[in-house]
């Protein structure tokens, strides 16, 4: 049976609603307000219609300028796209050298350090979600795994989602990866990613758990550039709470 959180849109293999996740103090995150996915440049006409029908009116694109420059497709007039260079390669070359040279940039081993050393990058992405024009919001990178995974980790933690649910949501992307890669003619990469994690004494799941466990949300918020209104919008998934 299909996961009810799946965003069914022709051209997407890793799209889903972040609503319906259990909160620490009971209840769930509001459904149908914030979504995550891989890049949307392969959406068909029917795929765009599915996003429209889901109420999505803003997309937060986390890719680097070198990637967005290649996305020359025409987007619907009803859609607003906000581009946030989540990597920040140009502004923090010293951070990235260790990860690009080792290949760890494709693993969750860099998530914790990125959140700690470059909090403003994730903060800018979250601010774009919080301050989007009326309507639902979808955020994405290329594969919807690393940059999207970091932003989702921070967002769901701010919203006080149960940690096990945050991990489970990340693992959905891992499960979706083979079909996504096959759709663009790329061989599976999971063995390589697991091998890199094993070299550091962990697994993909273990590395993500470590990033989540080590995420100091108060420290992050204090350095992220988010204000009180942003945090309330993120905590409630932009829902009006009486």
Foldseek 3Di string as FASTA:
>chain_A
DDDPQAQDFPQFLQKGWQWPFAFPVGDIADTLAEMEGADPLRTDPRRLVSCVVSFAAEEEEQDDPVVVVPSPDDHDPSHHYHYQPLVPCVPCVVLCPVCVVLVVLPALLCLQVCCVVVLQSLLVSLLCQLPPDPTHYYYYYHLRQRSVLSNLLLLCVLLRGDLVSNLVSNVSSVVSVCVSCVVVPHHDCQVVRQVSVVVVPHGRSRSNSVSSVPDDNVSSVVPHPDDPSSSVCSNNSNDDDD
